[in-house]
Amino acid sequence: MITTKQKTPFIFAVPALLLSAAFFGNLFVEGWNWSSFDFIIAGILLFGSALLINLMIRSERTFSSKLIVCSVILLLLLLVWAELAVGIFGSPFAGS
């Protein structure tokens, strides 16, 4: 069985791998134009979500409540990411 200490590096490795994939995509893919500000915002969103999920996993709640809260965190991450990318809600900080 995997312990909580063993899950923590995996939880934080996923955002690091996603950011490194975006970095190499920015270097080698034509049309991929992320600025340093884009990487900072992506890092804050990804590592912030990973931190919240890690805190939720370590909490003393039931498995079902952990699953629900982690799902809400991931849903909020996806909604904010989509808003920043294409502006699905039309807010002032939207990408379009």
PDB file of N, CA and C in Angstrom:
ATOM      1  N   MET A   1       0.836  -1.178   0.000  1.00  0.00           N
ATOM      2  CA  MET A   1       0.000   0.000   0.000  1.00  0.00           C
ATOM      3  C   MET A   1       0.881   1.242   0.000  1.00  0.00           C
ATOM      4  N   ILE A   2       0.465   2.247  -0.733  1.00  0.00           N
ATOM      5  CA  ILE A   2       1.217   3.493  -0.825  1.00  0.00           C
ATOM      6  C   ILE A   2       0.842   4.384   0.354  1.00  0.00           C
ATOM      7  N   THR A   3       1.849   4.886   1.049  1.00  0.00           N
ATOM      8  CA  THR A   3       1.594   5.762   2.178  1.00  0.00           C
ATOM      9  C   THR A   3       1.438   7.204   1.699  1.00  0.00           C
ATOM     10  N   THR A   4       1.009   8.057   2.597  1.00  0.00           N
ATOM     11  CA  THR A   4       0.818   9.473   2.267  1.00  0.00           C
ATOM     12  C   THR A   4       2.143  10.124   1.911  1.00  0.00           C
ATOM     13  N   LYS A   5       3.219   9.752   2.593  1.00  0.00           N
ATOM     14  CA  LYS A   5       4.533  10.313   2.273  1.00  0.00           C
ATOM     15  C   LYS A   5       4.976   9.918   0.871  1.00  0.00           C
ATOM     16  N   GLN A   6       4.575   8.758   0.395  1.00  0.00           N
ATOM     17  CA  GLN A   6       4.934   8.326  -0.947  1.00  0.00           C
ATOM     18  C   GLN A   6       4.078   9.004  -2.007  1.00  0.00           C
ATOM     19  N   LYS A   7       2.879   9.449  -1.654  1.00  0.00           N
ATOM     20  CA  LYS A   7       2.002  10.121  -2.610  1.00  0.00           C
ATOM     21  C   LYS A   7       2.428  11.557  -2.869  1.00  0.00           C
ATOM     22  N   THR A   8       3.030  12.206  -1.882  1.00  0.00           N
ATOM     23  CA  THR A   8       3.367  13.623  -1.992  1.00  0.00           C
ATOM     24  C   THR A   8       4.297  13.934  -3.158  1.00  0.00           C
ATOM     25  N   PRO A   9       5.397  13.212  -3.360  1.00  0.00           N
ATOM     26  CA  PRO A   9       6.244  13.544  -4.516  1.00  0.00           C
ATOM     27  C   PRO A   9       5.512  13.361  -5.850  1.00  0.00           C
ATOM     28  N   PHE A  10       4.652  12.364  -5.937  1.00  0.00           N
ATOM     29  CA  PHE A  10       3.896  12.150  -7.165  1.00  0.00           C
ATOM     30  C   PHE A  10       2.938  13.304  -7.428  1.00  0.00           C
ATOM     31  N   ILE A  11       2.284  13.788  -6.371  1.00  0.00           N
ATOM     32  CA  ILE A  11       1.320  14.878  -6.516  1.00  0.00           C
ATOM     33  C   ILE A  11       2.020  16.133  -7.043  1.00  0.00           C
ATOM     34  N   PHE A  12       3.240  16.393  -6.589  1.00  0.00           N
ATOM     35  CA  PHE A  12       3.953  17.585  -7.037  1.00  0.00           C
ATOM     36  C   PHE A  12       4.771  17.343  -8.304  1.00  0.00           C
ATOM     37  N   ALA A  13       4.967  16.094  -8.676  1.00  0.00           N
ATOM     38  CA  ALA A  13       5.678  15.797  -9.925  1.00  0.00           C
ATOM     39  C   ALA A  13       4.786  16.038 -11.143  1.00  0.00           C
ATOM     40  N   VAL A  14       3.496  15.853 -11.001  1.00  0.00           N
ATOM     41  CA  VAL A  14       2.581  16.050 -12.127  1.00  0.00           C
ATOM     42  C   VAL A  14       2.608  17.492 -12.623  1.00  0.00           C
ATOM     43  N   PRO A  15       2.469  18.513 -11.763  1.00  0.00           N
ATOM     44  CA  PRO A  15       2.579  19.886 -12.264  1.00  0.00           C
ATOM     45  C   PRO A  15       3.955  20.200 -12.844  1.00  0.00           C
ATOM     46  N   ALA A  16       5.011  19.641 -12.251  1.00  0.00           N
ATOM     47  CA  ALA A  16       6.352  19.877 -12.780  1.00  0.00           C
ATOM     48  C   ALA A  16       6.499  19.289 -14.182  1.00  0.00           C
ATOM     49  N   LEU A  17       5.949  18.101 -14.401  1.00  0.00           N
ATOM     50  CA  LEU A  17       6.002  17.490 -15.731  1.00  0.00           C
ATOM     51  C   LEU A  17       5.163  18.267 -16.742  1.00  0.00           C
ATOM     52  N   LEU A  18       4.008  18.748 -16.325  1.00  0.00           N
ATOM     53  CA  LEU A  18       3.169  19.545 -17.223  1.00  0.00           C
ATOM     54  C   LEU A  18       3.852  20.852 -17.608  1.00  0.00           C
ATOM     55  N   LEU A  19       4.487  21.501 -16.647  1.00  0.00           N
ATOM     56  CA  LEU A  19       5.194  22.743 -16.952  1.00  0.00           C
ATOM     57  C   LEU A  19       6.424  22.495 -17.821  1.00  0.00           C
ATOM     58  N   SER A  20       7.124  21.395 -17.595  1.00  0.00           N
ATOM     59  CA  SER A  20       8.276  21.098 -18.442  1.00  0.00           C
ATOM     60  C   SER A  20       7.834  20.737 -19.856  1.00  0.00           C
ATOM     61  N   ALA A  21       6.701  20.059 -20.001  1.00  0.00           N
ATOM     62  CA  ALA A  21       6.170  19.776 -21.340  1.00  0.00           C
ATOM     63  C   ALA A  21       5.784  21.074 -22.043  1.00  0.00           C
ATOM     64  N   ALA A  22       5.191  22.001 -21.300  1.00  0.00           N
ATOM     65  CA  ALA A  22       4.847  23.299 -21.885  1.00  0.00           C
ATOM     66  C   ALA A  22       6.103  24.081 -22.257  1.00  0.00           C
ATOM     67  N   PHE A  23       7.138  23.973 -21.443  1.00  0.00           N
ATOM     68  CA  PHE A  23       8.381  24.669 -21.739  1.00  0.00           C
ATOM     69  C   PHE A  23       9.002  24.158 -23.032  1.00  0.00           C
ATOM     70  N   PHE A  24       9.082  22.830 -23.164  1.00  0.00           N
ATOM     71  CA  PHE A  24       9.664  22.281 -24.384  1.00  0.00           C
ATOM     72  C   PHE A  24       8.765  22.493 -25.592  1.00  0.00           C
ATOM     73  N   GLY A  25       7.458  22.491 -25.367  1.00  0.00           N
ATOM     74  CA  GLY A  25       6.549  22.833 -26.455  1.00  0.00           C
ATOM     75  C   GLY A  25       6.745  24.264 -26.905  1.00  0.00           C
ATOM     76  N   ASN A  26       6.996  25.146 -25.972  1.00  0.00           N
ATOM     77  CA  ASN A  26       7.240  26.550 -26.290  1.00  0.00           C
ATOM     78  C   ASN A  26       8.540  26.711 -27.077  1.00  0.00           C
ATOM     79  N   LEU A  27       9.526  25.862 -26.807  1.00  0.00           N
ATOM     80  CA  LEU A  27      10.794  25.939 -27.516  1.00  0.00           C
ATOM     81  C   LEU A  27      10.710  25.380 -28.937  1.00  0.00           C
ATOM     82  N   PHE A  28       9.993  24.276 -29.114  1.00  0.00           N
ATOM     83  CA  PHE A  28      10.084  23.538 -30.363  1.00  0.00           C
ATOM     84  C   PHE A  28       8.844  23.584 -31.246  1.00  0.00           C
ATOM     85  N   VAL A  29       7.695  23.990 -30.737  1.00  0.00           N
ATOM     86  CA  VAL A  29       6.465  23.989 -31.524  1.00  0.00           C
ATOM     87  C   VAL A  29       6.197  25.398 -32.030  1.00  0.00           C
ATOM     88  N   GLU A  30       6.059  25.511 -33.324  1.00  0.00           N
ATOM     89  CA  GLU A  30       5.773  26.817 -33.910  1.00  0.00           C
ATOM     90  C   GLU A  30       4.341  27.205 -33.581  1.00  0.00           C
ATOM     91  N   GLY A  31       4.144  28.435 -33.163  1.00  0.00           N
ATOM     92  CA  GLY A  31       2.818  28.908 -32.803  1.00  0.00           C
ATOM     93  C   GLY A  31       2.519  28.812 -31.321  1.00  0.00           C
ATOM     94  N   TRP A  32       3.402  28.194 -30.562  1.00  0.00           N
ATOM     95  CA  TRP A  32       3.235  28.097 -29.120  1.00  0.00           C
ATOM     96  C   TRP A  32       4.034  29.247 -28.510  1.00  0.00           C
ATOM     97  N   ASN A  33       3.359  30.278 -28.077  1.00  0.00           N
ATOM     98  CA  ASN A  33       4.027  31.493 -27.623  1.00  0.00           C
ATOM     99  C   ASN A  33       3.622  31.846 -26.201  1.00  0.00           C
ATOM    100  N   TRP A  34       4.200  31.151 -25.242  1.00  0.00           N
ATOM    101  CA  TRP A  34       3.959  31.486 -23.847  1.00  0.00           C
ATOM    102  C   TRP A  34       5.040  32.458 -23.387  1.00  0.00           C
ATOM    103  N   SER A  35       4.629  33.481 -22.670  1.00  0.00           N
ATOM    104  CA  SER A  35       5.591  34.399 -22.064  1.00  0.00           C
ATOM    105  C   SER A  35       5.965  33.855 -20.684  1.00  0.00           C
ATOM    106  N   SER A  36       6.918  34.520 -20.047  1.00  0.00           N
ATOM    107  CA  SER A  36       7.300  34.088 -18.697  1.00  0.00           C
ATOM    108  C   SER A  36       6.135  34.281 -17.721  1.00  0.00           C
ATOM    109  N   PHE A  37       5.320  35.295 -17.963  1.00  0.00           N
ATOM    110  CA  PHE A  37       4.140  35.514 -17.121  1.00  0.00           C
ATOM    111  C   PHE A  37       3.168  34.338 -17.229  1.00  0.00           C
ATOM    112  N   ASP A  38       3.006  33.780 -18.432  1.00  0.00           N
ATOM    113  CA  ASP A  38       2.139  32.613 -18.619  1.00  0.00           C
ATOM    114  C   ASP A  38       2.642  31.418 -17.816  1.00  0.00           C
ATOM    115  N   PHE A  39       3.962  31.217 -17.809  1.00  0.00           N
ATOM    116  CA  PHE A  39       4.526  30.116 -17.032  1.00  0.00           C
ATOM    117  C   PHE A  39       4.350  30.341 -15.528  1.00  0.00           C
ATOM    118  N   ILE A  40       4.469  31.581 -15.088  1.00  0.00           N
ATOM    119  CA  ILE A  40       4.278  31.887 -13.665  1.00  0.00           C
ATOM    120  C   ILE A  40       2.838  31.607 -13.248  1.00  0.00           C
ATOM    121  N   ILE A  41       1.884  32.071 -14.043  1.00  0.00           N
ATOM    122  CA  ILE A  41       0.469  31.828 -13.731  1.00  0.00           C
ATOM    123  C   ILE A  41       0.149  30.339 -13.767  1.00  0.00           C
ATOM    124  N   ALA A  42       0.664  29.625 -14.775  1.00  0.00           N
ATOM    125  CA  ALA A  42       0.430  28.181 -14.857  1.00  0.00           C
ATOM    126  C   ALA A  42       1.031  27.466 -13.650  1.00  0.00           C
ATOM    127  N   GLY A  43       2.218  27.881 -13.235  1.00  0.00           N
ATOM    128  CA  GLY A  43       2.847  27.275 -12.059  1.00  0.00           C
ATOM    129  C   GLY A  43       2.053  27.517 -10.795  1.00  0.00           C
ATOM    130  N   ILE A  44       1.554  28.742 -10.640  1.00  0.00           N
ATOM    131  CA  ILE A  44       0.739  29.054  -9.463  1.00  0.00           C
ATOM    132  C   ILE A  44      -0.530  28.211  -9.461  1.00  0.00           C
ATOM    133  N   LEU A  45      -1.185  28.123 -10.610  1.00  0.00           N
ATOM    134  CA  LEU A  45      -2.417  27.328 -10.689  1.00  0.00           C
ATOM    135  C   LEU A  45      -2.159  25.846 -10.434  1.00  0.00           C
ATOM    136  N   LEU A  46      -1.151  25.294 -11.092  1.00  0.00           N
ATOM    137  CA  LEU A  46      -0.898  23.853 -10.983  1.00  0.00           C
ATOM    138  C   LEU A  46      -0.360  23.463  -9.604  1.00  0.00           C
ATOM    139  N   PHE A  47       0.638  24.193  -9.116  1.00  0.00           N
ATOM    140  CA  PHE A  47       1.200  23.840  -7.807  1.00  0.00           C
ATOM    141  C   PHE A  47       0.250  24.205  -6.669  1.00  0.00           C
ATOM    142  N   GLY A  48      -0.548  25.262  -6.849  1.00  0.00           N
ATOM    143  CA  GLY A  48      -1.561  25.587  -5.846  1.00  0.00           C
ATOM    144  C   GLY A  48      -2.616  24.503  -5.748  1.00  0.00           C
ATOM    145  N   SER A  49      -3.050  24.000  -6.887  1.00  0.00           N
ATOM    146  CA  SER A  49      -4.018  22.901  -6.882  1.00  0.00           C
ATOM    147  C   SER A  49      -3.412  21.645  -6.278  1.00  0.00           C
ATOM    148  N   ALA A  50      -2.155  21.363  -6.604  1.00  0.00           N
ATOM    149  CA  ALA A  50      -1.483  20.193  -6.035  1.00  0.00           C
ATOM    150  C   ALA A  50      -1.358  20.323  -4.523  1.00  0.00           C
ATOM    151  N   LEU A  51      -1.057  21.528  -4.046  1.00  0.00           N
ATOM    152  CA  LEU A  51      -0.958  21.747  -2.603  1.00  0.00           C
ATOM    153  C   LEU A  51      -2.300  21.521  -1.920  1.00  0.00           C
ATOM    154  N   LEU A  52      -3.374  22.068  -2.499  1.00  0.00           N
ATOM    155  CA  LEU A  52      -4.702  21.875  -1.914  1.00  0.00           C
ATOM    156  C   LEU A  52      -5.106  20.403  -1.909  1.00  0.00           C
ATOM    157  N   ILE A  53      -4.810  19.696  -2.989  1.00  0.00           N
ATOM    158  CA  ILE A  53      -5.137  18.267  -3.053  1.00  0.00           C
ATOM    159  C   ILE A  53      -4.310  17.494  -2.033  1.00  0.00           C
ATOM    160  N   ASN A  54      -3.037  17.846  -1.900  1.00  0.00           N
ATOM    161  CA  ASN A  54      -2.186  17.185  -0.908  1.00  0.00           C
ATOM    162  C   ASN A  54      -2.714  17.415   0.507  1.00  0.00           C
ATOM    163  N   LEU A  55      -3.123  18.644   0.806  1.00  0.00           N
ATOM    164  CA  LEU A  55      -3.691  18.927   2.123  1.00  0.00           C
ATOM    165  C   LEU A  55      -4.983  18.150   2.347  1.00  0.00           C
ATOM    166  N   MET A  56      -5.781  18.014   1.313  1.00  0.00           N
ATOM    167  CA  MET A  56      -7.038  17.274   1.448  1.00  0.00           C
ATOM    168  C   MET A  56      -6.772  15.790   1.664  1.00  0.00           C
ATOM    169  N   ILE A  57      -5.801  15.237   0.972  1.00  0.00           N
ATOM    170  CA  ILE A  57      -5.479  13.815   1.149  1.00  0.00           C
ATOM    171  C   ILE A  57      -4.983  13.540   2.568  1.00  0.00           C
ATOM    172  N   ARG A  58      -4.234  14.473   3.133  1.00  0.00           N
ATOM    173  CA  ARG A  58      -3.705  14.294   4.488  1.00  0.00           C
ATOM    174  C   ARG A  58      -4.733  14.542   5.585  1.00  0.00           C
ATOM    175  N   SER A  59      -5.896  15.086   5.228  1.00  0.00           N
ATOM    176  CA  SER A  59      -6.897  15.397   6.243  1.00  0.00           C
ATOM    177  C   SER A  59      -7.535  14.120   6.783  1.00  0.00           C
ATOM    178  N   GLU A  60      -8.283  14.279   7.832  1.00  0.00           N
ATOM    179  CA  GLU A  60      -8.915  13.144   8.521  1.00  0.00           C
ATOM    180  C   GLU A  60     -10.351  12.918   8.058  1.00  0.00           C
ATOM    181  N   ARG A  61     -10.685  13.345   6.884  1.00  0.00           N
ATOM    182  CA  ARG A  61     -12.048  13.184   6.380  1.00  0.00           C
ATOM    183  C   ARG A  61     -12.247  11.792   5.791  1.00  0.00           C
ATOM    184  N   THR A  62     -13.505  11.493   5.478  1.00  0.00           N
ATOM    185  CA  THR A  62     -13.799  10.203   4.858  1.00  0.00           C
ATOM    186  C   THR A  62     -13.340  10.220   3.404  1.00  0.00           C
ATOM    187  N   PHE A  63     -13.204   9.040   2.839  1.00  0.00           N
ATOM    188  CA  PHE A  63     -12.732   8.928   1.459  1.00  0.00           C
ATOM    189  C   PHE A  63     -13.676   9.625   0.491  1.00  0.00           C
ATOM    190  N   SER A  64     -14.963   9.491   0.693  1.00  0.00           N
ATOM    191  CA  SER A  64     -15.920  10.101  -0.238  1.00  0.00           C
ATOM    192  C   SER A  64     -15.854  11.626  -0.189  1.00  0.00           C
ATOM    193  N   SER A  65     -15.684  12.204   0.992  1.00  0.00           N
ATOM    194  CA  SER A  65     -15.582  13.665   1.070  1.00  0.00           C
ATOM    195  C   SER A  65     -14.261  14.149   0.477  1.00  0.00           C
ATOM    196  N   LYS A  66     -13.185  13.379   0.665  1.00  0.00           N
ATOM    197  CA  LYS A  66     -11.912  13.724   0.028  1.00  0.00           C
ATOM    198  C   LYS A  66     -12.046  13.710  -1.488  1.00  0.00           C
ATOM    199  N   LEU A  67     -12.725  12.701  -2.007  1.00  0.00           N
ATOM    200  CA  LEU A  67     -12.917  12.573  -3.442  1.00  0.00           C
ATOM    201  C   LEU A  67     -13.741  13.730  -4.001  1.00  0.00           C
ATOM    202  N   ILE A  68     -14.772  14.110  -3.307  1.00  0.00           N
ATOM    203  CA  ILE A  68     -15.619  15.225  -3.752  1.00  0.00           C
ATOM    204  C   ILE A  68     -14.843  16.534  -3.753  1.00  0.00           C
ATOM    205  N   VAL A  69     -14.121  16.805  -2.668  1.00  0.00           N
ATOM    206  CA  VAL A  69     -13.381  18.071  -2.578  1.00  0.00           C
ATOM    207  C   VAL A  69     -12.252  18.112  -3.604  1.00  0.00           C
ATOM    208  N   CYS A  70     -11.543  17.015  -3.798  1.00  0.00           N
ATOM    209  CA  CYS A  70     -10.487  16.975  -4.817  1.00  0.00           C
ATOM    210  C   CYS A  70     -11.072  17.157  -6.212  1.00  0.00           C
ATOM    211  N   SER A  71     -12.236  16.606  -6.466  1.00  0.00           N
ATOM    212  CA  SER A  71     -12.896  16.798  -7.764  1.00  0.00           C
ATOM    213  C   SER A  71     -13.286  18.254  -7.975  1.00  0.00           C
ATOM    214  N   VAL A  72     -13.759  18.909  -6.926  1.00  0.00           N
ATOM    215  CA  VAL A  72     -14.112  20.330  -7.018  1.00  0.00           C
ATOM    216  C   VAL A  72     -12.866  21.172  -7.276  1.00  0.00           C
ATOM    217  N   ILE A  73     -11.762  20.839  -6.616  1.00  0.00           N
ATOM    218  CA  ILE A  73     -10.505  21.565  -6.839  1.00  0.00           C
ATOM    219  C   ILE A  73     -10.064  21.431  -8.291  1.00  0.00           C
ATOM    220  N   LEU A  74     -10.115  20.222  -8.825  1.00  0.00           N
ATOM    221  CA  LEU A  74      -9.717  20.008 -10.221  1.00  0.00           C
ATOM    222  C   LEU A  74     -10.672  20.693 -11.196  1.00  0.00           C
ATOM    223  N   LEU A  75     -11.959  20.696 -10.885  1.00  0.00           N
ATOM    224  CA  LEU A  75     -12.928  21.382 -11.736  1.00  0.00           C
ATOM    225  C   LEU A  75     -12.670  22.886 -11.753  1.00  0.00           C
ATOM    226  N   LEU A  76     -12.396  23.459 -10.588  1.00  0.00           N
ATOM    227  CA  LEU A  76     -12.075  24.886 -10.518  1.00  0.00           C
ATOM    228  C   LEU A  76     -10.788  25.201 -11.273  1.00  0.00           C
ATOM    229  N   LEU A  77      -9.797  24.327 -11.169  1.00  0.00           N
ATOM    230  CA  LEU A  77      -8.564  24.506 -11.930  1.00  0.00           C
ATOM    231  C   LEU A  77      -8.847  24.537 -13.423  1.00  0.00           C
ATOM    232  N   LEU A  78      -9.639  23.606 -13.897  1.00  0.00           N
ATOM    233  CA  LEU A  78      -9.964  23.551 -15.327  1.00  0.00           C
ATOM    234  C   LEU A  78     -10.771  24.761 -15.778  1.00  0.00           C
ATOM    235  N   LEU A  79     -11.704  25.210 -14.956  1.00  0.00           N
ATOM    236  CA  LEU A  79     -12.497  26.389 -15.320  1.00  0.00           C
ATOM    237  C   LEU A  79     -11.653  27.662 -15.386  1.00  0.00           C
ATOM    238  N   VAL A  80     -10.773  27.843 -14.408  1.00  0.00           N
ATOM    239  CA  VAL A  80      -9.909  29.026 -14.417  1.00  0.00           C
ATOM    240  C   VAL A  80      -8.941  28.956 -15.594  1.00  0.00           C
ATOM    241  N   TRP A  81      -8.389  27.771 -15.860  1.00  0.00           N
ATOM    242  CA  TRP A  81      -7.467  27.601 -16.981  1.00  0.00           C
ATOM    243  C   TRP A  81      -8.170  27.909 -18.307  1.00  0.00           C
ATOM    244  N   ALA A  82      -9.373  27.405 -18.475  1.00  0.00           N
ATOM    245  CA  ALA A  82     -10.120  27.658 -19.710  1.00  0.00           C
ATOM    246  C   ALA A  82     -10.483  29.131 -19.843  1.00  0.00           C
ATOM    247  N   GLU A  83     -10.813  29.772 -18.744  1.00  0.00           N
ATOM    248  CA  GLU A  83     -11.133  31.197 -18.779  1.00  0.00           C
ATOM    249  C   GLU A  83      -9.906  32.012 -19.179  1.00  0.00           C
ATOM    250  N   LEU A  84      -8.765  31.672 -18.631  1.00  0.00           N
ATOM    251  CA  LEU A  84      -7.547  32.388 -18.986  1.00  0.00           C
ATOM    252  C   LEU A  84      -7.131  32.109 -20.431  1.00  0.00           C
ATOM    253  N   ALA A  85      -7.406  30.918 -20.917  1.00  0.00           N
ATOM    254  CA  ALA A  85      -6.979  30.550 -22.263  1.00  0.00           C
ATOM    255  C   ALA A  85      -7.877  31.151 -23.337  1.00  0.00           C
ATOM    256  N   VAL A  86      -9.184  30.981 -23.205  1.00  0.00           N
ATOM    257  CA  VAL A  86     -10.079  31.396 -24.298  1.00  0.00           C
ATOM    258  C   VAL A  86     -11.211  32.296 -23.863  1.00  0.00           C
ATOM    259  N   GLY A  87     -11.404  32.491 -22.580  1.00  0.00           N
ATOM    260  CA  GLY A  87     -12.439  33.407 -22.121  1.00  0.00           C
ATOM    261  C   GLY A  87     -13.846  32.866 -22.251  1.00  0.00           C
ATOM    262  N   ILE A  88     -14.141  31.732 -21.650  1.00  0.00           N
ATOM    263  CA  ILE A  88     -15.474  31.141 -21.782  1.00  0.00           C
ATOM    264  C   ILE A  88     -16.551  31.939 -21.040  1.00  0.00           C
ATOM    265  N   PHE A  89     -16.150  32.713 -20.033  1.00  0.00           N
ATOM    266  CA  PHE A  89     -17.118  33.512 -19.293  1.00  0.00           C
ATOM    267  C   PHE A  89     -17.069  34.989 -19.677  1.00  0.00           C
ATOM    268  N   GLY A  90     -16.052  35.408 -20.412  1.00  0.00           N
ATOM    269  CA  GLY A  90     -15.947  36.792 -20.839  1.00  0.00           C
ATOM    270  C   GLY A  90     -15.535  37.756 -19.748  1.00  0.00           C
ATOM    271  N   SER A  91     -14.734  37.296 -18.802  1.00  0.00           N
ATOM    272  CA  SER A  91     -14.278  38.171 -17.723  1.00  0.00           C
ATOM    273  C   SER A  91     -13.165  39.090 -18.236  1.00  0.00           C
ATOM    274  N   PRO A  92     -12.834  40.136 -17.485  1.00  0.00           N
ATOM    275  CA  PRO A  92     -11.795  41.075 -17.937  1.00  0.00           C
ATOM    276  C   PRO A  92     -10.401  40.460 -18.070  1.00  0.00           C
ATOM    277  N   PHE A  93     -10.105  39.390 -17.350  1.00  0.00           N
ATOM    278  CA  PHE A  93      -8.775  38.785 -17.464  1.00  0.00           C
ATOM    279  C   PHE A  93      -8.749  37.601 -18.416  1.00  0.00           C
ATOM    280  N   ALA A  94      -9.776  37.485 -19.274  1.00  0.00           N
ATOM    281  CA  ALA A  94      -9.853  36.375 -20.223  1.00  0.00           C
ATOM    282  C   ALA A  94      -8.764  36.514 -21.297  1.00  0.00           C
ATOM    283  N   GLY A  95      -8.433  35.390 -21.897  1.00  0.00           N
ATOM    284  CA  GLY A  95      -7.358  35.372 -22.896  1.00  0.00           C
ATOM    285  C   GLY A  95      -7.756  35.873 -24.253  1.00  0.00           C
ATOM    286  N   SER A  96      -9.032  35.955 -24.545  1.00  0.00           N
ATOM    287  CA  SER A  96      -9.421  36.383 -25.892  1.00  0.00           C
ATOM    288  C   SER A  96      -9.801  37.833 -25.948  1.00  0.00           C
TER     289      SER A  96
END
